[in-house]
Protein backbone atom coordinates (compact mmCIF):
# COMPACT_ATOMS: atom_id res chain seq x y z
CA UNK A 1 163.28 51.36 -32.40
CA UNK A 2 162.17 53.72 -35.19
CA UNK A 3 164.36 56.84 -35.37
CA UNK A 4 163.35 60.13 -36.97
CA UNK A 5 165.90 62.95 -37.08
CA UNK A 6 165.76 66.48 -38.48
CA UNK A 7 168.80 68.74 -39.02
CA UNK A 8 170.95 68.49 -35.87
CA UNK A 9 168.73 65.57 -34.82
CA UNK A 10 170.04 63.55 -37.78
CA UNK A 11 173.51 63.68 -36.21
CA UNK A 12 172.18 62.11 -33.00
CA UNK A 13 170.31 59.48 -35.01
CA UNK A 14 173.42 58.63 -37.06
CA UNK A 15 175.58 58.30 -33.96
CA UNK A 16 172.98 56.20 -32.15
CA UNK A 17 172.70 53.93 -35.18
CA UNK A 18 176.49 53.57 -35.27
CA UNK A 19 176.67 52.62 -31.60
CA UNK A 20 173.57 50.41 -31.40
CA UNK A 21 172.73 49.10 -34.91
CA UNK A 22 170.82 46.11 -33.60
CA UNK A 23 168.40 48.38 -31.73
CA UNK A 24 167.31 50.36 -34.83
CA UNK A 25 164.46 49.03 -36.98
CA UNK A 26 164.05 52.06 -39.27
CA UNK A 27 165.88 55.33 -39.77
CA UNK A 28 164.28 58.44 -41.33
CA UNK A 29 166.53 61.49 -41.82
CA UNK A 30 165.37 64.95 -42.93
CA UNK A 31 167.96 67.65 -43.79
CA UNK A 32 170.92 65.42 -43.01
CA UNK A 33 173.89 66.80 -41.04
CA UNK A 34 176.56 64.16 -41.81
CA UNK A 35 179.44 63.53 -39.43
CA UNK A 36 181.93 65.06 -41.88
CA UNK A 37 180.15 68.42 -41.59
CA UNK A 38 181.23 70.98 -38.97
CA UNK A 39 177.76 72.15 -37.96
CA UNK A 40 178.76 75.17 -35.82
CA UNK A 41 180.96 76.46 -38.65
CA UNK A 42 177.97 76.44 -41.02
CA UNK A 43 175.25 77.88 -38.78
CA UNK A 44 176.13 81.53 -39.27
CA UNK A 45 176.82 81.18 -42.99
CA UNK A 46 173.58 79.30 -43.62
CA UNK A 47 171.58 81.87 -41.64
CA UNK A 48 173.19 84.69 -43.66
CA UNK A 49 172.31 82.97 -46.93
CA UNK A 50 168.71 82.42 -45.83
CA UNK A 51 168.40 86.06 -44.75
CA UNK A 52 169.87 87.23 -48.07
CA UNK A 53 167.22 85.21 -49.90
CA UNK A 54 164.47 86.86 -47.88
CA UNK A 55 165.80 90.34 -48.62
CA UNK A 56 166.20 89.44 -52.30
CA UNK A 57 162.61 88.18 -52.46
CA UNK A 58 161.42 91.37 -50.76
CA UNK A 59 163.39 93.54 -53.21
CA UNK A 60 161.80 91.72 -56.13
CA UNK A 61 158.26 92.18 -54.78
CA UNK A 62 157.09 95.79 -55.36
CA UNK A 63 154.80 96.00 -52.33
CA UNK A 64 157.44 94.51 -49.99
CA UNK A 65 160.22 96.64 -51.45
CA UNK A 66 158.12 99.77 -50.98
CA UNK A 67 157.26 98.95 -47.36
CA UNK A 68 160.72 97.68 -46.39
CA UNK A 69 163.26 99.31 -48.73
CA UNK A 70 166.49 98.38 -46.90
CA UNK A 71 166.16 95.47 -44.48
CA UNK A 72 169.91 95.03 -43.72
CA UNK A 73 170.20 98.69 -42.75
CA UNK A 74 167.07 98.48 -40.61
CA UNK A 75 168.47 95.41 -38.85
CA UNK A 76 171.62 97.36 -37.98
CA UNK A 77 169.48 100.23 -36.70
CA UNK A 78 167.57 97.86 -34.43
CA UNK A 79 170.79 96.39 -33.04
CA UNK A 80 172.20 99.87 -32.46
CA UNK A 81 169.06 100.86 -30.55
CA UNK A 82 169.54 97.97 -28.15
CA UNK A 83 173.23 98.75 -27.67
CA UNK A 84 172.32 102.30 -26.69
CA UNK A 85 169.17 101.46 -24.70
CA UNK A 86 168.99 97.77 -23.70
CA UNK A 87 166.07 98.36 -21.30
CA UNK A 88 162.80 98.30 -23.24
CA UNK A 89 159.09 98.38 -22.39
CA UNK A 90 157.33 95.45 -24.08
CA UNK A 91 153.75 94.19 -23.92
CA UNK A 92 153.54 90.51 -23.00
CA UNK A 93 151.78 88.74 -25.92
CA UNK A 94 150.08 86.31 -23.54
CA UNK A 95 148.94 88.55 -20.67
CA UNK A 96 148.79 91.97 -22.33
CA UNK A 97 150.80 93.40 -19.44
CA UNK A 98 153.65 95.82 -20.06
CA UNK A 99 157.01 94.67 -18.79
CA UNK A 100 160.46 96.24 -18.56
CA UNK A 101 162.97 93.82 -20.04
CA UNK A 102 166.67 94.00 -20.86
CA UNK A 103 167.36 93.00 -24.46
CA UNK A 104 170.68 92.10 -26.02
CA UNK A 105 171.32 92.77 -29.76
CA UNK A 106 172.02 89.06 -30.13
CA UNK A 107 168.41 88.35 -29.14
CA UNK A 108 167.27 89.74 -32.49
CA UNK A 109 169.65 87.53 -34.45
CA UNK A 110 168.66 84.41 -32.50
CA UNK A 111 164.96 85.02 -32.96
CA UNK A 112 165.32 85.73 -36.65
CA UNK A 113 167.49 82.67 -37.22
CA UNK A 114 164.92 80.49 -35.45
CA UNK A 115 162.08 82.11 -37.42
CA UNK A 116 163.83 81.15 -40.67
CA UNK A 117 162.91 77.53 -39.94
CA UNK A 118 159.19 78.33 -40.18
CA UNK A 119 157.45 78.97 -43.52
CA UNK A 120 154.87 81.09 -41.68
CA UNK A 121 157.18 83.10 -39.45
CA UNK A 122 159.68 83.90 -42.22
CA UNK A 123 156.96 85.96 -43.89
CA UNK A 124 156.80 88.19 -40.80
CA UNK A 125 160.56 88.80 -40.64
CA UNK A 126 160.58 92.01 -42.79
CA UNK A 127 157.85 93.55 -40.62
CA UNK A 128 159.62 92.49 -37.40
CA UNK A 129 162.90 94.09 -38.52
CA UNK A 130 161.22 97.29 -39.70
CA UNK A 131 159.29 97.70 -36.45
CA UNK A 132 162.37 96.93 -34.34
CA UNK A 133 164.40 99.58 -36.19
CA UNK A 134 161.79 102.11 -35.01
CA UNK A 135 162.00 100.89 -31.41
CA UNK A 136 158.81 98.83 -31.56
CA UNK A 137 159.48 95.30 -30.38
CA UNK A 138 156.00 93.80 -30.33
CA UNK A 139 156.34 91.73 -33.52
CA UNK A 140 159.60 90.21 -32.26
CA UNK A 141 157.92 89.47 -28.93
CA UNK A 142 155.18 87.66 -30.84
CA UNK A 143 157.75 85.60 -32.74
CA UNK A 144 159.43 84.71 -29.45
CA UNK A 145 156.10 83.58 -28.02
CA UNK A 146 155.32 81.40 -31.04
CA UNK A 147 158.78 79.85 -31.04
CA UNK A 148 158.81 79.11 -27.32
CA UNK A 149 155.47 79.49 -25.50
CA UNK A 150 156.85 77.35 -22.67
CA UNK A 151 160.60 77.76 -22.44
CA UNK A 152 160.93 75.18 -19.71
CA UNK A 153 159.30 72.53 -21.89
CA UNK A 154 161.03 73.39 -25.15
CA UNK A 155 164.60 74.24 -24.13
CA UNK A 156 167.26 72.32 -26.05
CA UNK A 157 170.24 71.24 -24.00
CA UNK A 158 172.99 73.34 -25.53
CA UNK A 159 175.57 71.51 -23.47
CA UNK A 160 174.46 68.16 -24.86
CA UNK A 161 174.31 69.58 -28.38
CA UNK A 162 177.84 70.94 -28.09
CA UNK A 163 179.10 67.61 -26.76
CA UNK A 164 177.52 65.68 -29.63
CA UNK A 165 178.86 68.05 -32.27
CA UNK A 166 182.35 68.21 -30.78
CA UNK A 167 182.60 64.46 -30.36
CA UNK A 168 181.22 63.43 -33.76
CA UNK A 169 182.65 65.97 -36.21
CA UNK A 170 184.89 63.90 -38.48
CA UNK A 171 186.19 66.81 -40.55
CA UNK A 172 189.51 66.57 -42.30
CA UNK A 173 192.65 67.87 -40.62
CA UNK A 174 192.50 71.06 -42.70
CA UNK A 175 189.26 71.98 -40.96
CA UNK A 176 190.46 71.38 -37.39
CA UNK A 177 190.91 75.11 -36.75
CA UNK A 178 187.27 75.87 -37.55
CA UNK A 179 185.89 75.37 -33.99
CA UNK A 180 188.53 77.64 -32.43
CA UNK A 181 187.94 80.19 -35.20
CA UNK A 182 184.23 80.15 -34.41
CA UNK A 183 184.96 80.79 -30.73
CA UNK A 184 187.34 83.63 -31.60
CA UNK A 185 184.79 85.28 -33.90
CA UNK A 186 182.03 84.87 -31.33
CA UNK A 187 184.14 86.50 -28.61
CA UNK A 188 185.25 89.35 -30.86
CA UNK A 189 181.68 90.07 -31.91
CA UNK A 190 180.73 90.70 -28.29
CA UNK A 191 182.93 93.81 -28.26
CA UNK A 192 180.89 97.03 -28.65
CA UNK A 193 181.04 98.27 -32.23
CA UNK A 194 182.70 95.13 -33.57
CA UNK A 195 181.54 93.93 -37.00
CA UNK A 196 182.06 90.62 -38.75
CA UNK A 197 184.26 92.38 -41.33
CA UNK A 198 186.64 93.67 -38.66
CA UNK A 199 186.59 90.41 -36.68
CA UNK A 200 187.60 88.43 -39.76
CA UNK A 201 190.25 91.02 -40.62
CA UNK A 202 191.76 90.76 -37.12
CA UNK A 203 191.92 86.96 -37.34
CA UNK A 204 193.45 87.19 -40.84
CA UNK A 205 196.09 89.54 -39.42
CA UNK A 206 196.95 86.95 -36.74
CA UNK A 207 196.78 83.65 -38.64
CA UNK A 208 199.77 82.24 -40.50
CA UNK A 209 198.16 81.75 -43.91
CA UNK A 210 197.46 84.28 -46.65
CA UNK A 211 193.95 83.04 -47.43
CA UNK A 212 191.38 85.70 -46.46
CA UNK A 213 188.30 84.74 -44.48
CA UNK A 214 184.86 85.43 -46.01
CA UNK A 215 184.85 89.02 -44.68
CA UNK A 216 188.55 89.38 -43.91
CA UNK A 217 191.63 90.92 -45.51
CA UNK A 218 195.10 89.65 -46.36
CA UNK A 219 198.09 90.98 -48.28
CA UNK A 220 195.99 91.51 -51.43
CA UNK A 221 194.15 94.33 -49.63
CA UNK A 222 197.04 95.90 -47.69
CA UNK A 223 199.27 95.99 -50.77
CA UNK A 224 196.81 98.37 -52.49
CA UNK A 225 196.96 101.04 -49.77
CA UNK A 226 198.69 104.39 -50.48
CA UNK A 227 201.45 103.24 -48.12
CA UNK A 228 201.37 99.48 -48.62
CA UNK A 229 202.42 96.97 -45.98
CA UNK A 230 201.91 93.28 -45.29
CA UNK A 231 199.84 91.72 -42.48
CA UNK A 232 201.66 90.28 -39.48
CA UNK A 233 200.35 86.72 -39.97
CA UNK A 234 201.50 85.93 -36.47
CA UNK A 235 201.21 87.07 -32.84
CA UNK A 236 201.12 90.82 -32.27
CA UNK A 237 203.39 92.50 -29.74
CA UNK A 238 200.85 95.02 -28.45
CA UNK A 239 197.15 95.83 -28.67
CA UNK A 240 198.06 99.06 -30.50
CA UNK A 241 199.29 96.99 -33.44
CA UNK A 242 195.65 96.27 -34.26
CA UNK A 243 195.43 99.84 -35.56
CA UNK A 244 197.09 98.47 -38.71
CA UNK A 245 194.17 96.10 -39.30
CA UNK A 246 191.57 97.12 -41.84
CA UNK A 247 188.64 98.85 -40.15
CA UNK A 248 190.23 99.30 -36.71
CA UNK A 249 190.31 102.96 -35.63
CA UNK A 250 191.69 104.71 -32.52
CA UNK A 251 188.11 105.44 -31.42
CA UNK A 252 187.16 101.77 -31.60
CA UNK A 253 190.35 100.64 -29.89
CA UNK A 254 190.55 103.22 -27.10
CA UNK A 255 187.07 104.77 -26.96
CA UNK A 256 187.01 107.98 -24.92
CA UNK A 257 190.05 106.98 -22.84
CA UNK A 258 192.27 109.70 -24.33
CA UNK A 259 194.97 109.49 -21.66
CA UNK A 260 195.00 105.65 -21.61
CA UNK A 261 194.64 105.37 -17.85
CA UNK A 262 191.97 102.69 -18.05
CA UNK A 263 189.20 104.81 -16.49
CA UNK A 264 186.74 107.34 -17.86
CA UNK A 265 187.65 110.71 -16.40
CA UNK A 266 185.15 113.55 -16.01
CA UNK A 267 186.73 115.65 -18.77
CA UNK A 268 186.70 112.67 -21.14
CA UNK A 269 183.01 112.09 -20.44
CA UNK A 270 182.26 115.71 -21.26
CA UNK A 271 184.51 115.87 -24.33
CA UNK A 272 183.20 112.67 -25.94
CA UNK A 273 179.62 112.85 -24.66
CA UNK A 274 179.71 109.45 -22.96
CA UNK A 275 179.25 108.04 -19.47
CA UNK A 276 180.64 105.04 -17.64
CA UNK A 277 177.44 103.23 -18.67
CA UNK A 278 178.07 103.79 -22.39
CA UNK A 279 179.00 100.53 -24.11
CA UNK A 280 182.56 100.62 -25.40
CA UNK A 281 183.41 103.90 -23.70
CA UNK A 282 186.92 102.59 -22.91
CA UNK A 283 187.33 100.93 -26.30
CA UNK A 284 188.37 97.40 -27.16
CA UNK A 285 191.66 97.82 -25.30
CA UNK A 286 189.69 97.30 -22.07
CA UNK A 287 188.84 93.77 -23.24
CA UNK A 288 192.03 92.66 -25.00
CA UNK A 289 195.57 91.69 -24.08
CA UNK A 290 198.48 90.00 -25.83
CA UNK A 291 200.37 88.93 -22.70
CA UNK A 292 198.10 86.49 -20.85
CA UNK A 293 199.76 83.40 -19.31
CA UNK A 294 199.32 81.03 -16.37
CA UNK A 295 201.97 79.01 -14.56
CA UNK A 296 201.04 75.33 -14.21
CA UNK A 297 201.70 75.47 -10.48
CA UNK A 298 199.92 74.68 -7.28
CA UNK A 299 199.04 77.35 -4.76
CA UNK A 300 202.16 76.49 -2.78
CA UNK A 301 204.35 77.18 -5.83
CA UNK A 302 205.20 73.57 -6.71
CA UNK A 303 204.45 72.18 -10.16
CA UNK A 304 201.27 70.20 -10.72
CA UNK A 305 201.38 66.45 -11.32
CA UNK A 306 200.98 65.48 -14.97
CA UNK A 307 198.55 62.56 -14.94
CA UNK A 308 199.42 61.66 -18.56
CA UNK A 309 203.11 60.96 -17.92
CA UNK A 310 204.41 57.64 -19.28
CA UNK A 311 205.94 56.22 -16.09
CA UNK A 312 202.94 55.06 -14.02
CA UNK A 313 205.06 53.99 -11.06
CA UNK A 314 206.51 57.47 -10.79
CA UNK A 315 203.03 58.90 -11.35
CA UNK A 316 201.65 56.88 -8.44
CA UNK A 317 204.43 58.10 -6.15
CA UNK A 318 203.80 61.72 -7.09
CA UNK A 319 200.02 61.31 -6.70
CA UNK A 320 200.37 59.72 -3.26
CA UNK A 321 202.51 62.59 -2.06
CA UNK A 322 200.44 65.36 -3.65
CA UNK A 323 196.88 64.11 -3.01
CA UNK A 324 197.53 62.57 0.42
CA UNK A 325 194.60 60.20 -0.16
CA UNK A 326 195.14 56.57 -1.15
CA UNK A 327 191.73 56.17 -2.81
CA UNK A 328 192.35 59.25 -4.96
CA UNK A 329 195.92 58.35 -5.92
CA UNK A 330 195.24 54.70 -6.76
CA UNK A 331 192.13 55.51 -8.79
CA UNK A 332 193.98 58.00 -11.01
CA UNK A 333 196.81 55.51 -11.60
CA UNK A 334 194.38 52.67 -12.33
CA UNK A 335 192.35 54.91 -14.65
CA UNK A 336 195.42 55.22 -16.87
CA UNK A 337 195.25 51.43 -17.41
CA UNK A 338 191.55 50.55 -17.41
CA UNK A 339 189.52 53.72 -16.95
CA UNK A 340 186.38 54.85 -18.73
CA UNK A 341 185.15 58.46 -18.75
CA UNK A 342 181.43 59.19 -18.61
CA UNK A 343 181.72 62.43 -20.61
CA UNK A 344 179.26 62.75 -23.48
CA UNK A 345 182.10 63.55 -25.88
CA UNK A 346 184.03 60.42 -24.97
CA UNK A 347 180.99 58.15 -25.11
CA UNK A 348 179.82 59.40 -28.52
CA UNK A 349 183.29 59.26 -30.06
CA UNK A 350 183.88 55.74 -28.77
CA UNK A 351 187.02 56.95 -26.95
CA UNK A 352 185.82 56.69 -23.37
CA UNK A 353 188.80 54.69 -22.14
CA UNK A 354 190.83 51.54 -22.24
CA UNK A 355 188.69 49.25 -20.14
CA UNK A 356 185.63 47.31 -21.27
CA UNK A 357 182.12 47.88 -20.02
CA UNK A 358 181.24 45.76 -16.99
CA UNK A 359 178.83 45.61 -14.09
CA UNK A 360 179.45 48.33 -11.50
CA UNK A 361 180.39 46.49 -8.31
CA UNK A 362 180.81 49.48 -6.02
CA UNK A 363 182.98 52.46 -5.22
CA UNK A 364 186.71 52.33 -5.82
CA UNK A 365 188.95 51.71 -2.81
CA UNK A 366 192.74 51.66 -2.56
CA UNK A 367 192.97 47.90 -1.92
CA UNK A 368 191.83 47.24 -5.53
CA UNK A 369 195.17 48.60 -6.72
CA UNK A 370 196.73 45.17 -6.08
CA UNK A 371 195.01 43.98 -9.28
CA UNK A 372 197.12 46.27 -11.47
CA UNK A 373 200.73 46.22 -12.67
CA UNK A 374 201.99 49.78 -13.11
CA UNK A 375 205.27 48.74 -14.69
CA UNK A 376 203.61 48.09 -18.06
CA UNK A 377 202.44 51.66 -18.58
CA UNK A 378 198.94 52.77 -19.47
CA UNK A 379 196.88 53.01 -22.61
CA UNK A 380 194.32 55.54 -21.43
CA UNK A 381 195.01 59.26 -21.36
CA UNK A 382 192.98 62.09 -19.90
CA UNK A 383 191.78 64.95 -22.07
CA UNK A 384 191.26 67.06 -18.96
CA UNK A 385 191.18 66.56 -15.21
CA UNK A 386 187.36 66.51 -15.20
CA UNK A 387 187.48 63.16 -17.04
CA UNK A 388 188.01 61.62 -13.60
CA UNK A 389 184.64 62.84 -12.32
CA UNK A 390 181.97 60.14 -12.54
CA UNK A 391 184.40 57.78 -14.29
CA UNK A 392 184.87 54.05 -13.70
CA UNK A 393 187.78 51.60 -13.63
CA UNK A 394 187.37 47.99 -14.73
CA UNK A 395 189.09 45.23 -12.74
CA UNK A 396 189.50 41.78 -14.30
CA UNK A 397 188.69 40.40 -17.73
CA UNK A 398 185.85 38.64 -19.49
CA UNK A 399 183.12 37.27 -17.25
CA UNK A 400 185.13 38.22 -14.18
CA UNK A 401 185.31 41.91 -15.10
CA UNK A 402 183.84 44.38 -12.63
CA UNK A 403 183.74 48.17 -12.75
CA UNK A 404 184.26 50.44 -9.79
CA UNK A 405 183.00 54.02 -9.63
CA UNK A 406 185.24 57.02 -9.16
CA UNK A 407 185.84 58.46 -5.69
CA UNK A 408 185.28 61.77 -7.52
CA UNK A 409 181.50 61.53 -7.75
CA UNK A 410 179.09 63.84 -9.57
CA UNK A 411 177.44 64.87 -6.31
CA UNK A 412 177.73 68.65 -5.93
CA UNK A 413 178.37 68.48 -2.19
CA UNK A 414 181.19 65.99 -2.72
CA UNK A 415 182.60 68.16 -5.51
CA UNK A 416 182.87 71.06 -3.11
CA UNK A 417 185.29 68.98 -1.02
CA UNK A 418 187.50 67.30 -3.63
CA UNK A 419 187.40 69.73 -6.58
CA UNK A 420 189.89 72.28 -5.13
CA UNK A 421 192.31 69.40 -4.51
CA UNK A 422 191.98 68.03 -8.05
CA UNK A 423 192.23 71.38 -9.82
CA UNK A 424 195.15 72.57 -7.70
CA UNK A 425 197.18 69.37 -7.87
CA UNK A 426 196.69 67.78 -11.31
CA UNK A 427 197.27 68.68 -14.94
CA UNK A 428 197.09 66.76 -18.22
CA UNK A 429 199.97 68.58 -19.96
CA UNK A 430 203.73 68.50 -19.52
CA UNK A 431 204.10 72.28 -19.64
CA UNK A 432 205.27 74.84 -17.13
CA UNK A 433 203.31 77.76 -18.62
CA UNK A 434 199.86 77.73 -20.21
CA UNK A 435 198.33 80.39 -22.49
CA UNK A 436 196.10 82.87 -20.71
CA UNK A 437 192.36 82.23 -20.54
CA UNK A 438 189.28 84.31 -19.72
CA UNK A 439 189.15 85.13 -16.01
CA UNK A 440 185.66 84.23 -14.77
CA UNK A 441 186.03 86.36 -11.67
CA UNK A 442 187.09 89.61 -13.31
CA UNK A 443 186.40 89.71 -17.06
CA UNK A 444 183.81 92.12 -18.53
CA UNK A 445 180.31 90.70 -18.82
CA UNK A 446 180.42 90.99 -22.61
CA UNK A 447 183.13 88.34 -22.84
CA UNK A 448 181.15 85.86 -20.74
CA UNK A 449 178.09 86.36 -22.92
CA UNK A 450 180.29 85.77 -25.96
CA UNK A 451 181.47 82.31 -24.90
CA UNK A 452 179.62 79.95 -27.28
CA UNK A 453 177.18 77.52 -25.71
CA UNK A 454 177.45 79.00 -22.21
CA UNK A 455 173.76 79.40 -21.26
CA UNK A 456 172.67 82.97 -20.55
CA UNK A 457 171.23 81.97 -17.19
CA UNK A 458 174.64 80.57 -16.25
CA UNK A 459 176.32 83.84 -17.27
CA UNK A 460 173.82 85.79 -15.19
CA UNK A 461 174.46 83.51 -12.22
CA UNK A 462 178.22 83.93 -12.55
CA UNK A 463 177.94 87.71 -12.77
CA UNK A 464 175.62 87.89 -9.76
CA UNK A 465 177.70 85.68 -7.47
CA UNK A 466 181.35 86.13 -8.45
CA UNK A 467 183.53 87.71 -5.79
CA UNK A 468 187.27 88.26 -6.18
CA UNK A 469 187.62 88.55 -2.39
CA UNK A 470 185.92 85.25 -1.57
CA UNK A 471 187.80 82.96 0.80
CA UNK A 472 186.06 79.85 -0.58
CA UNK A 473 188.85 77.60 -1.96
CA UNK A 474 186.59 76.57 -4.85
CA UNK A 475 186.48 80.19 -6.06
CA UNK A 476 190.20 79.95 -6.87
CA UNK A 477 189.48 77.56 -9.74
CA UNK A 478 187.44 77.73 -12.93
CA UNK A 479 185.21 74.86 -11.82
CA UNK A 480 183.33 76.91 -9.19
CA UNK A 481 180.27 77.42 -11.46
CA UNK A 482 180.01 73.60 -11.62
CA UNK A 483 180.35 73.19 -7.84
CA UNK A 484 177.66 75.82 -7.29
CA UNK A 485 175.26 74.25 -9.80
CA UNK A 486 175.39 77.01 -12.42
CA UNK A 487 176.54 74.69 -15.21
CA UNK A 488 176.41 70.95 -15.83
CA UNK A 489 179.43 68.67 -15.83
CA UNK A 490 179.42 68.37 -19.64
CA UNK A 491 179.11 72.15 -19.99
CA UNK A 492 182.03 72.64 -17.60
CA UNK A 493 184.13 70.22 -19.63
CA UNK A 494 183.54 72.38 -22.68
CA UNK A 495 184.32 75.60 -20.80
CA UNK A 496 187.52 74.51 -19.04
CA UNK A 497 189.86 75.19 -22.00
CA UNK A 498 188.48 78.74 -22.24
CA UNK A 499 188.21 80.01 -18.65
CA UNK A 500 190.28 80.39 -15.51
CA UNK A 501 190.16 82.18 -12.17
CA UNK A 502 193.57 83.72 -12.20
CA UNK A 503 196.70 84.50 -14.15
CA UNK A 504 200.35 85.29 -13.66
CA UNK A 505 200.84 88.34 -15.87
CA UNK A 506 200.23 91.75 -14.33
CA UNK A 507 199.99 95.27 -15.71
CA UNK A 508 200.74 98.46 -13.79
CA UNK A 509 201.07 102.15 -14.49
CA UNK A 510 203.82 103.84 -12.49
CA UNK A 511 203.51 107.59 -11.96
CA UNK A 512 206.15 109.95 -10.62
CA UNK A 513 205.19 113.59 -10.06
CA UNK A 514 205.95 116.88 -8.33
CA UNK A 515 202.89 118.22 -6.58
CA UNK A 516 203.63 121.94 -6.97
CA UNK A 517 205.15 122.16 -10.44
CA UNK A 518 202.91 119.61 -12.12
CA UNK A 519 205.86 117.87 -13.73
CA UNK A 520 205.23 114.14 -14.03
CA UNK A 521 206.38 110.94 -15.66
CA UNK A 522 204.19 107.91 -16.36
CA UNK A 523 205.11 104.46 -17.61
CA UNK A 524 203.18 101.26 -18.26
CA UNK A 525 204.81 98.01 -17.22
CA UNK A 526 203.72 94.42 -17.83
CA UNK A 527 205.29 91.82 -15.55
CA UNK A 528 205.34 88.08 -16.28
CA UNK A 529 205.35 86.19 -12.98
CA UNK A 530 205.09 82.67 -14.42
CA UNK A 531 208.73 82.07 -13.51
CA UNK A 532 210.50 82.09 -10.14
CA UNK A 533 212.04 85.44 -10.98
CA UNK A 534 209.35 87.67 -12.54
CA UNK A 535 210.42 89.50 -15.65
CA UNK A 536 209.32 92.69 -17.40
CA UNK A 537 207.93 91.81 -20.83
CA UNK A 538 206.86 95.32 -21.80
CA UNK A 539 207.77 98.83 -20.70
CA UNK A 540 206.66 102.01 -22.41
CA UNK A 541 206.63 105.69 -21.62
CA UNK A 542 203.17 107.30 -21.41
CA UNK A 543 204.36 110.69 -20.20
CA UNK A 544 203.24 112.35 -23.43
CA UNK A 545 199.64 111.49 -22.43
CA UNK A 546 199.88 113.37 -19.14
CA UNK A 547 199.94 112.31 -15.51
CA UNK A 548 196.79 110.29 -16.09
CA UNK A 549 195.45 110.41 -12.54
CA UNK A 550 194.25 113.15 -10.23
CA UNK A 551 196.21 113.88 -7.06
CA UNK A 552 193.22 112.71 -5.04
CA UNK A 553 193.84 109.27 -6.53
CA UNK A 554 197.63 109.28 -6.43
CA UNK A 555 197.90 110.75 -2.96
CA UNK A 556 199.67 113.85 -1.67
CA UNK A 557 202.61 114.20 0.67
CA UNK A 558 201.92 117.88 1.32
CA UNK A 559 201.48 118.75 4.97
CA UNK A 560 199.64 121.54 6.69
CA UNK A 561 198.85 122.59 10.22
CA UNK A 562 202.46 123.07 11.37
CA UNK A 563 203.60 125.97 13.51
CA UNK A 564 202.59 129.20 11.85
CA UNK A 565 200.05 127.38 9.68
CA UNK A 566 202.38 127.28 6.64
CA UNK A 567 202.34 124.71 3.85
CA UNK A 568 205.63 123.43 2.45
CA UNK A 569 205.36 122.07 -1.09
CA UNK A 570 208.38 123.22 -3.02
CA UNK A 571 210.61 120.36 -4.15
CA UNK A 572 208.15 117.79 -2.86
CA UNK A 573 207.95 114.76 -5.14
CA UNK A 574 206.31 111.34 -5.23
């Protein structure tokens, strides 16, 4: 085989050559992305550098500088236009028909980054930005058409790309935080009004080191303020603490929600000139929390079974009792000894399991368990529960080795039956409480769009179909987009560490008031229910911000229509 790879494609070629050297006759690599390079960490930086070169070239060319005097400012204007008015009327470059489309500010950045790859299209970038800043999107539409005249034929599998990059990045230990940093920046940048400067400053405030990010701020900045202080460099105790971060203002953090009741009241709309449709009208506080947590428990309150525990005999006993299915329980136990995952990440990294590759002889059944000795422990661990889906277990050695396929097949109909059992019963960590994740069923749309490598069509499908009141058992777990065909198995494996369908920390505002006098008291309480006895982790008085809610919302205990038609209100409290 003759392999030709360009950019990200060189990574695939290198990995293929490592796995199957005898199958490669020649290898041609253009713009090499070696395995010691964290590609996602470089994408944004490289795009910024390329854009800076274009603006520098334009500034040095009199005719370009005269026509497009400030490209960065015009790009910001274009993005701001879309934030204010995402619905735009655009003429289809192919048909000439006018169409109403909804554009996201990120669309501009994606198109421009893709156009940077083309010597021809990069020459049109200044014009495209200038026109977009004036609300004319035709040049960008033309770029989109050139880049992808047939989206169905030219789509790159982002799930596969993410799997390859995640599995093959051989960066040093000092760079291991880069992927999570990229995710954090991506999610922060989805918040209305967020900039890269503020996002980096927030992460610098939270991280333990004193090394500023490219656009961030550490003690060197805060020590120069009129009233100097040092960054937290650790977890914050409340969202309000972010007001100490460079660039964060009360308007950005709370928007028009002056009384902090979490809704946009009529007087707030009038005072700030916003509506419920205005992006960021409730500020970043509507998207952020510092108290998220999930108990690693089943729906019945018992703890999940840790499939990575050392004692396989005890594991098998617990699995038999919890799963109530011999095929399921024996397969999981046997997987710990001789299992192989079919995940793209595991296959590319060469860490797919402890058993060798062998001919698939059929589907796993419980009677095959007699071939294994559980007393010796297991050499194969699971990264996540979804490793069991589509996996195999090898029985025997050498020429007598045979593989048997998982009872947890990749068939969507079958998933709908076994997935609630797996996700409710099993875990891969010996922990009682897990950090909070993004709730698929309730989170704002902006956060879903900000999850890296989650396809936009999948986000749209989730937003259209999610229902917090659904009685479908699959909807109780983060794997429901997989079961309903919205994402692939490899995409779901990437998403699982980030998303959930529930949590065990709750926030409430408690209001006490007298109906006639108007006297009131309001407090905010956050309750952690991850333990048997829930505990209050935060209580604060909000009385200085007013009652917060109209009586029509809180309810009234006043009564009318008694004898004589009188109304008794004095002394009445709630």
